[in-house]
Amino acid sequence: MPIDTWLLFIGTVFFVSATPGPNMLLAMTHGIHYGVRRTLATCAGLMSGLAIIMFGSAAGLGALLATSALLFSVVKYAGAAYLIYLGIRTWRAAPTPVEESALAEPARLPSAWQRFRTGFLVSMSNPKAFIFFTALFPQFMDAKLPQGPQLAVLAASFFVIESVWQQIYAGGGQKMARWLNNARRLKMVNKVSGGCFVSAGALLTSVSRHA
């Protein structure tokens, strides 16, 4: 793969990953409540979901979703329902001051598995991601060269950039925790975050395979 093609891919993914979306919102929200270290489990779930999406796209699932209206609708509405559920749960969460939450006993916090599962489900909630990777990767691959090594380089590059941005969002959330040291402010953040998840779920229901 030519270095200039790879650098163009890096630049494209850098800005795509930086765009706030459900994945980054979740990383920031968990960073606020649990700190960066505990949010690593969330990020692992997010990245695991992305790994499945990328491999699924490479295997042709993205093309299948693009051509099957029924399959696309099933995945779309299941993902939208989960995002809306997560938004309602976040909206209604008890406004426990962040400093108290961050210092709480592990038994009082969601387990690492629960945080991982939430990240994984959020990551898998958007069927457009399958089509996105199916459309994105071929733009930077040379048909005359072996496909496997090129796909590995692109996937690894995307993983690194995406994981770095997730850590940045989680770190930003952790820094916000100092300001969120009372129930009133935390209640406001819960409602904003919950509203964003619900909005993302609602918007997902309007997504078209050909959008």
C-alpha atoms as a PDB file:
ATOM      1  CA  MET A   1       0.000   0.000   0.000  1.00  0.00           C
ATOM      2  CA  PRO A   2       1.503   3.369  -1.022  1.00  0.00           C
ATOM      3  CA  ILE A   3       2.378   5.570   1.930  1.00  0.00           C
ATOM      4  CA  ASP A   4       0.396   8.507   0.540  1.00  0.00           C
ATOM      5  CA  THR A   5      -2.738   6.339   0.337  1.00  0.00           C
ATOM      6  CA  TRP A   6      -2.235   5.200   3.911  1.00  0.00           C
ATOM      7  CA  LEU A   7      -1.753   8.776   5.128  1.00  0.00           C
ATOM      8  CA  LEU A   8      -4.935   9.837   3.355  1.00  0.00           C
ATOM      9  CA  PHE A   9      -6.761   7.014   5.123  1.00  0.00           C
ATOM     10  CA  ILE A  10      -5.284   8.113   8.461  1.00  0.00           C
ATOM     11  CA  GLY A  11      -6.465  11.685   7.899  1.00  0.00           C
ATOM     12  CA  THR A  12      -9.947  10.546   6.920  1.00  0.00           C
ATOM     13  CA  VAL A  13     -10.384   8.222   9.889  1.00  0.00           C
ATOM     14  CA  PHE A  14      -8.930  10.800  12.295  1.00  0.00           C
ATOM     15  CA  PHE A  15     -11.769  13.208  11.589  1.00  0.00           C
ATOM     16  CA  VAL A  16     -14.450  10.521  11.239  1.00  0.00           C
ATOM     17  CA  SER A  17     -13.565   9.041  14.640  1.00  0.00           C
ATOM     18  CA  ALA A  18     -13.375  12.445  16.293  1.00  0.00           C
ATOM     19  CA  THR A  19     -16.987  13.202  15.382  1.00  0.00           C
ATOM     20  CA  PRO A  20     -19.192  12.829  18.479  1.00  0.00           C
ATOM     21  CA  GLY A  21     -21.508   9.831  18.241  1.00  0.00           C
ATOM     22  CA  PRO A  22     -22.973   7.164  20.516  1.00  0.00           C
ATOM     23  CA  ASN A  23     -19.574   5.463  20.984  1.00  0.00           C
ATOM     24  CA  MET A  24     -17.763   8.623  22.034  1.00  0.00           C
ATOM     25  CA  LEU A  25     -20.705   9.805  24.117  1.00  0.00           C
ATOM     26  CA  LEU A  26     -20.655   6.528  26.029  1.00  0.00           C
ATOM     27  CA  ALA A  27     -16.888   6.748  26.572  1.00  0.00           C
ATOM     28  CA  MET A  28     -17.277  10.294  27.932  1.00  0.00           C
ATOM     29  CA  THR A  29     -20.262   9.416  30.136  1.00  0.00           C
ATOM     30  CA  HIS A  30     -18.486   6.428  31.660  1.00  0.00           C
ATOM     31  CA  GLY A  31     -15.354   8.547  32.055  1.00  0.00           C
ATOM     32  CA  ILE A  32     -17.413  10.999  34.113  1.00  0.00           C
ATOM     33  CA  HIS A  33     -18.925   8.325  36.350  1.00  0.00           C
ATOM     34  CA  TYR A  34     -16.167   5.732  36.628  1.00  0.00           C
ATOM     35  CA  GLY A  35     -12.881   7.377  35.591  1.00  0.00           C
ATOM     36  CA  VAL A  36     -10.599   6.446  32.709  1.00  0.00           C
ATOM     37  CA  ARG A  37      -9.285   3.223  34.244  1.00  0.00           C
ATOM     38  CA  ARG A  38     -12.709   1.677  34.777  1.00  0.00           C
ATOM     39  CA  THR A  39     -13.869   2.945  31.383  1.00  0.00           C
ATOM     40  CA  LEU A  40     -11.248   0.734  29.724  1.00  0.00           C
ATOM     41  CA  ALA A  41     -13.764  -2.123  29.985  1.00  0.00           C
ATOM     42  CA  THR A  42     -16.346   0.015  28.195  1.00  0.00           C
ATOM     43  CA  CYS A  43     -13.855   0.882  25.471  1.00  0.00           C
ATOM     44  CA  ALA A  44     -12.946  -2.786  25.104  1.00  0.00           C
ATOM     45  CA  GLY A  45     -16.610  -3.505  24.438  1.00  0.00           C
ATOM     46  CA  LEU A  46     -16.825  -0.675  21.923  1.00  0.00           C
ATOM     47  CA  MET A  47     -13.729  -1.894  20.085  1.00  0.00           C
ATOM     48  CA  SER A  48     -14.906  -5.513  20.131  1.00  0.00           C
ATOM     49  CA  GLY A  49     -18.100  -4.429  18.443  1.00  0.00           C
ATOM     50  CA  LEU A  50     -16.145  -2.487  15.856  1.00  0.00           C
ATOM     51  CA  ALA A  51     -13.939  -5.519  15.224  1.00  0.00           C
ATOM     52  CA  ILE A  52     -16.988  -7.647  14.462  1.00  0.00           C
ATOM     53  CA  ILE A  53     -18.375  -4.918  12.218  1.00  0.00           C
ATOM     54  CA  MET A  54     -15.120  -4.639  10.269  1.00  0.00           C
ATOM     55  CA  PHE A  55     -14.707  -8.388   9.847  1.00  0.00           C
ATOM     56  CA  GLY A  56     -18.372  -8.723   8.999  1.00  0.00           C
ATOM     57  CA  SER A  57     -18.005  -6.042   6.364  1.00  0.00           C
ATOM     58  CA  ALA A  58     -14.964  -7.805   4.919  1.00  0.00           C
ATOM     59  CA  ALA A  59     -16.947 -11.045   4.826  1.00  0.00           C
ATOM     60  CA  GLY A  60     -19.749  -9.433   2.863  1.00  0.00           C
ATOM     61  CA  LEU A  61     -22.284  -8.734   5.613  1.00  0.00           C
ATOM     62  CA  GLY A  62     -22.205  -5.033   4.769  1.00  0.00           C
ATOM     63  CA  ALA A  63     -23.165  -5.798   1.184  1.00  0.00           C
ATOM     64  CA  LEU A  64     -25.930  -8.110   2.423  1.00  0.00           C
ATOM     65  CA  LEU A  65     -27.352  -5.402   4.685  1.00  0.00           C
ATOM     66  CA  ALA A  66     -27.208  -2.985   1.755  1.00  0.00           C
ATOM     67  CA  THR A  67     -29.346  -5.281  -0.390  1.00  0.00           C
ATOM     68  CA  SER A  68     -31.683  -6.893   2.161  1.00  0.00           C
ATOM     69  CA  ALA A  69     -34.334  -4.465   3.347  1.00  0.00           C
ATOM     70  CA  LEU A  70     -35.671  -6.900   5.947  1.00  0.00           C
ATOM     71  CA  LEU A  71     -32.300  -7.706   7.532  1.00  0.00           C
ATOM     72  CA  PHE A  72     -31.314  -4.047   7.571  1.00  0.00           C
ATOM     73  CA  SER A  73     -34.596  -3.083   9.253  1.00  0.00           C
ATOM     74  CA  VAL A  74     -34.261  -5.796  11.910  1.00  0.00           C
ATOM     75  CA  VAL A  75     -30.740  -4.671  12.852  1.00  0.00           C
ATOM     76  CA  LYS A  76     -31.692  -0.999  12.631  1.00  0.00           C
ATOM     77  CA  TYR A  77     -34.719  -1.160  14.921  1.00  0.00           C
ATOM     78  CA  ALA A  78     -32.991  -3.458  17.413  1.00  0.00           C
ATOM     79  CA  GLY A  79     -30.104  -0.992  17.625  1.00  0.00           C
ATOM     80  CA  ALA A  80     -32.433   1.987  17.910  1.00  0.00           C
ATOM     81  CA  ALA A  81     -34.410   0.295  20.688  1.00  0.00           C
ATOM     82  CA  TYR A  82     -31.242  -0.351  22.685  1.00  0.00           C
ATOM     83  CA  LEU A  83     -30.005   3.244  22.337  1.00  0.00           C
ATOM     84  CA  ILE A  84     -33.398   4.585  23.429  1.00  0.00           C
ATOM     85  CA  TYR A  85     -33.449   2.173  26.385  1.00  0.00           C
ATOM     86  CA  LEU A  86     -29.936   3.270  27.379  1.00  0.00           C
ATOM     87  CA  GLY A  87     -30.972   6.916  27.073  1.00  0.00           C
ATOM     88  CA  ILE A  88     -34.025   6.472  29.295  1.00  0.00           C
ATOM     89  CA  ARG A  89     -31.961   4.604  31.867  1.00  0.00           C
ATOM     90  CA  THR A  90     -29.321   7.343  31.866  1.00  0.00           C
ATOM     91  CA  TRP A  91     -31.963  10.074  32.073  1.00  0.00           C
ATOM     92  CA  ARG A  92     -33.561   8.426  35.108  1.00  0.00           C
ATOM     93  CA  ALA A  93     -30.280   7.550  36.856  1.00  0.00           C
ATOM     94  CA  ALA A  94     -30.000   8.723  40.459  1.00  0.00           C
ATOM     95  CA  PRO A  95     -27.840  11.893  40.546  1.00  0.00           C
ATOM     96  CA  THR A  96     -25.153  10.563  42.891  1.00  0.00           C
ATOM     97  CA  PRO A  97     -22.299  13.109  43.077  1.00  0.00           C
ATOM     98  CA  VAL A  98     -19.443  11.970  40.863  1.00  0.00           C
ATOM     99  CA  GLU A  99     -16.739  12.144  43.524  1.00  0.00           C
ATOM    100  CA  GLU A 100     -18.788   9.774  45.683  1.00  0.00           C
ATOM    101  CA  SER A 101     -19.519   7.542  42.697  1.00  0.00           C
ATOM    102  CA  ALA A 102     -15.868   7.341  41.657  1.00  0.00           C
ATOM    103  CA  LEU A 103     -14.805   6.367  45.184  1.00  0.00           C
ATOM    104  CA  ALA A 104     -17.621   3.904  45.711  1.00  0.00           C
ATOM    105  CA  GLU A 105     -16.959   0.295  46.575  1.00  0.00           C
ATOM    106  CA  PRO A 106     -16.594  -1.895  43.445  1.00  0.00           C
ATOM    107  CA  ALA A 107     -19.695  -3.829  44.487  1.00  0.00           C
ATOM    108  CA  ARG A 108     -21.761  -0.658  44.070  1.00  0.00           C
ATOM    109  CA  LEU A 109     -20.525  -0.013  40.541  1.00  0.00           C
ATOM    110  CA  PRO A 110     -21.458  -1.825  37.336  1.00  0.00           C
ATOM    111  CA  SER A 111     -19.083  -4.749  36.915  1.00  0.00           C
ATOM    112  CA  ALA A 112     -16.384  -4.725  34.257  1.00  0.00           C
ATOM    113  CA  TRP A 113     -18.497  -7.228  32.319  1.00  0.00           C
ATOM    114  CA  GLN A 114     -21.547  -4.936  32.498  1.00  0.00           C
ATOM    115  CA  ARG A 115     -19.500  -1.989  31.234  1.00  0.00           C
ATOM    116  CA  PHE A 116     -18.012  -4.138  28.470  1.00  0.00           C
ATOM    117  CA  ARG A 117     -21.472  -5.385  27.465  1.00  0.00           C
ATOM    118  CA  THR A 118     -22.876  -1.863  27.313  1.00  0.00           C
ATOM    119  CA  GLY A 119     -19.994  -0.737  25.094  1.00  0.00           C
ATOM    120  CA  PHE A 120     -20.383  -3.762  22.846  1.00  0.00           C
ATOM    121  CA  LEU A 121     -24.121  -3.305  22.379  1.00  0.00           C
ATOM    122  CA  VAL A 122     -23.790   0.420  21.668  1.00  0.00           C
ATOM    123  CA  SER A 123     -21.073  -0.285  19.110  1.00  0.00           C
ATOM    124  CA  MET A 124     -23.204  -2.915  17.388  1.00  0.00           C
ATOM    125  CA  SER A 125     -26.364  -0.779  17.408  1.00  0.00           C
ATOM    126  CA  ASN A 126     -25.867   0.910  14.018  1.00  0.00           C
ATOM    127  CA  PRO A 127     -26.240  -1.221  10.870  1.00  0.00           C
ATOM    128  CA  LYS A 128     -24.915   1.657   8.773  1.00  0.00           C
ATOM    129  CA  ALA A 129     -21.497   0.934  10.287  1.00  0.00           C
ATOM    130  CA  PHE A 130     -21.333  -2.327   8.336  1.00  0.00           C
ATOM    131  CA  ILE A 131     -22.077  -0.505   5.102  1.00  0.00           C
ATOM    132  CA  PHE A 132     -19.683   2.296   6.064  1.00  0.00           C
ATOM    133  CA  PHE A 133     -16.734  -0.070   6.366  1.00  0.00           C
ATOM    134  CA  THR A 134     -17.756  -1.931   3.226  1.00  0.00           C
ATOM    135  CA  ALA A 135     -17.670   1.373   1.357  1.00  0.00           C
ATOM    136  CA  LEU A 136     -14.659   2.935   3.130  1.00  0.00           C
ATOM    137  CA  PHE A 137     -11.945   0.303   2.988  1.00  0.00           C
ATOM    138  CA  PRO A 138     -12.050  -0.448  -0.758  1.00  0.00           C
ATOM    139  CA  GLN A 139     -11.429   3.226  -1.484  1.00  0.00           C
ATOM    140  CA  PHE A 140      -7.911   2.865  -0.063  1.00  0.00           C
ATOM    141  CA  MET A 141      -7.068  -0.634  -1.363  1.00  0.00           C
ATOM    142  CA  ASP A 142      -5.225  -1.525  -4.552  1.00  0.00           C
ATOM    143  CA  ALA A 143      -7.031  -4.308  -6.398  1.00  0.00           C
ATOM    144  CA  LYS A 144      -3.736  -5.429  -7.920  1.00  0.00           C
ATOM    145  CA  LEU A 145      -2.149  -6.127  -4.543  1.00  0.00           C
ATOM    146  CA  PRO A 146      -3.008  -8.859  -2.003  1.00  0.00           C
ATOM    147  CA  GLN A 147      -6.153  -7.828  -0.172  1.00  0.00           C
ATOM    148  CA  GLY A 148      -5.462  -9.432   3.215  1.00  0.00           C
ATOM    149  CA  PRO A 149      -2.371  -7.398   4.178  1.00  0.00           C
ATOM    150  CA  GLN A 150      -3.995  -4.164   3.027  1.00  0.00           C
ATOM    151  CA  LEU A 151      -7.147  -4.869   5.020  1.00  0.00           C
ATOM    152  CA  ALA A 152      -5.042  -5.706   8.084  1.00  0.00           C
ATOM    153  CA  VAL A 153      -3.165  -2.396   7.853  1.00  0.00           C
ATOM    154  CA  LEU A 154      -6.361  -0.384   7.440  1.00  0.00           C
ATOM    155  CA  ALA A 155      -8.151  -2.205  10.263  1.00  0.00           C
ATOM    156  CA  ALA A 156      -5.186  -1.845  12.638  1.00  0.00           C
ATOM    157  CA  SER A 157      -4.853   1.849  11.802  1.00  0.00           C
ATOM    158  CA  PHE A 158      -8.553   2.411  12.423  1.00  0.00           C
ATOM    159  CA  PHE A 159      -8.343   0.542  15.733  1.00  0.00           C
ATOM    160  CA  VAL A 160      -5.490   2.699  16.990  1.00  0.00           C
ATOM    161  CA  ILE A 161      -7.121   5.996  16.018  1.00  0.00           C
ATOM    162  CA  GLU A 162     -10.546   5.019  17.338  1.00  0.00           C
ATOM    163  CA  SER A 163      -9.149   3.777  20.653  1.00  0.00           C
ATOM    164  CA  VAL A 164      -7.112   6.961  21.116  1.00  0.00           C
ATOM    165  CA  TRP A 165     -10.190   9.125  20.577  1.00  0.00           C
ATOM    166  CA  GLN A 166     -12.177   7.010  23.023  1.00  0.00           C
ATOM    167  CA  GLN A 167      -9.505   7.564  25.651  1.00  0.00           C
ATOM    168  CA  ILE A 168      -9.539  11.293  24.922  1.00  0.00           C
ATOM    169  CA  TYR A 169     -13.302  11.428  25.423  1.00  0.00           C
ATOM    170  CA  ALA A 170     -13.073   9.303  28.576  1.00  0.00           C
ATOM    171  CA  GLY A 171     -10.271  11.516  29.896  1.00  0.00           C
ATOM    172  CA  GLY A 172     -12.316  14.615  29.157  1.00  0.00           C
ATOM    173  CA  GLY A 173     -15.209  13.096  31.052  1.00  0.00           C
ATOM    174  CA  GLN A 174     -12.986  12.332  34.032  1.00  0.00           C
ATOM    175  CA  LYS A 175     -11.781  15.935  34.114  1.00  0.00           C
ATOM    176  CA  MET A 176     -15.399  17.107  34.063  1.00  0.00           C
ATOM    177  CA  ALA A 177     -15.989  15.007  37.180  1.00  0.00           C
ATOM    178  CA  ARG A 178     -14.329  17.675  39.328  1.00  0.00           C
ATOM    179  CA  TRP A 179     -17.027  20.108  38.251  1.00  0.00           C
ATOM    180  CA  LEU A 180     -19.778  17.518  38.620  1.00  0.00           C
ATOM    181  CA  ASN A 181     -19.481  17.272  42.368  1.00  0.00           C
ATOM    182  CA  ASN A 182     -23.102  17.937  43.219  1.00  0.00           C
ATOM    183  CA  ALA A 183     -26.385  16.253  42.426  1.00  0.00           C
ATOM    184  CA  ARG A 184     -27.876  19.194  40.513  1.00  0.00           C
ATOM    185  CA  ARG A 185     -25.093  19.323  37.930  1.00  0.00           C
ATOM    186  CA  LEU A 186     -24.953  15.549  37.592  1.00  0.00           C
ATOM    187  CA  LYS A 187     -28.711  15.401  37.073  1.00  0.00           C
ATOM    188  CA  MET A 188     -28.308  17.893  34.234  1.00  0.00           C
ATOM    189  CA  VAL A 189     -25.548  15.792  32.631  1.00  0.00           C
ATOM    190  CA  ASN A 190     -27.626  12.621  32.985  1.00  0.00           C
ATOM    191  CA  LYS A 191     -30.527  14.284  31.214  1.00  0.00           C
ATOM    192  CA  VAL A 192     -28.327  15.688  28.432  1.00  0.00           C
ATOM    193  CA  SER A 193     -26.560  12.353  27.914  1.00  0.00           C
ATOM    194  CA  GLY A 194     -29.817  10.425  28.093  1.00  0.00           C
ATOM    195  CA  GLY A 195     -31.443  12.817  25.650  1.00  0.00           C
ATOM    196  CA  CYS A 196     -28.540  12.369  23.227  1.00  0.00           C
ATOM    197  CA  PHE A 197     -28.823   8.573  23.345  1.00  0.00           C
ATOM    198  CA  VAL A 198     -32.589   8.740  22.794  1.00  0.00           C
ATOM    199  CA  SER A 199     -32.073  11.190  19.919  1.00  0.00           C
ATOM    200  CA  ALA A 200     -29.453   8.906  18.368  1.00  0.00           C
ATOM    201  CA  GLY A 201     -31.869   5.992  18.611  1.00  0.00           C
ATOM    202  CA  ALA A 202     -34.693   8.014  17.088  1.00  0.00           C
ATOM    203  CA  LEU A 203     -32.462   9.219  14.254  1.00  0.00           C
ATOM    204  CA  LEU A 204     -31.339   5.667  13.604  1.00  0.00           C
ATOM    205  CA  THR A 205     -34.911   4.646  12.810  1.00  0.00           C
ATOM    206  CA  SER A 206     -34.910   7.119   9.914  1.00  0.00           C
ATOM    207  CA  VAL A 207     -31.668   5.817   8.409  1.00  0.00           C
ATOM    208  CA  SER A 208     -31.949   4.377   4.921  1.00  0.00           C
ATOM    209  CA  ARG A 209     -29.752   1.691   3.417  1.00  0.00           C
ATOM    210  CA  HIS A 210     -28.998   4.117   0.603  1.00  0.00           C
ATOM    211  CA  ALA A 211     -28.516   7.256   2.708  1.00  0.00           C
END
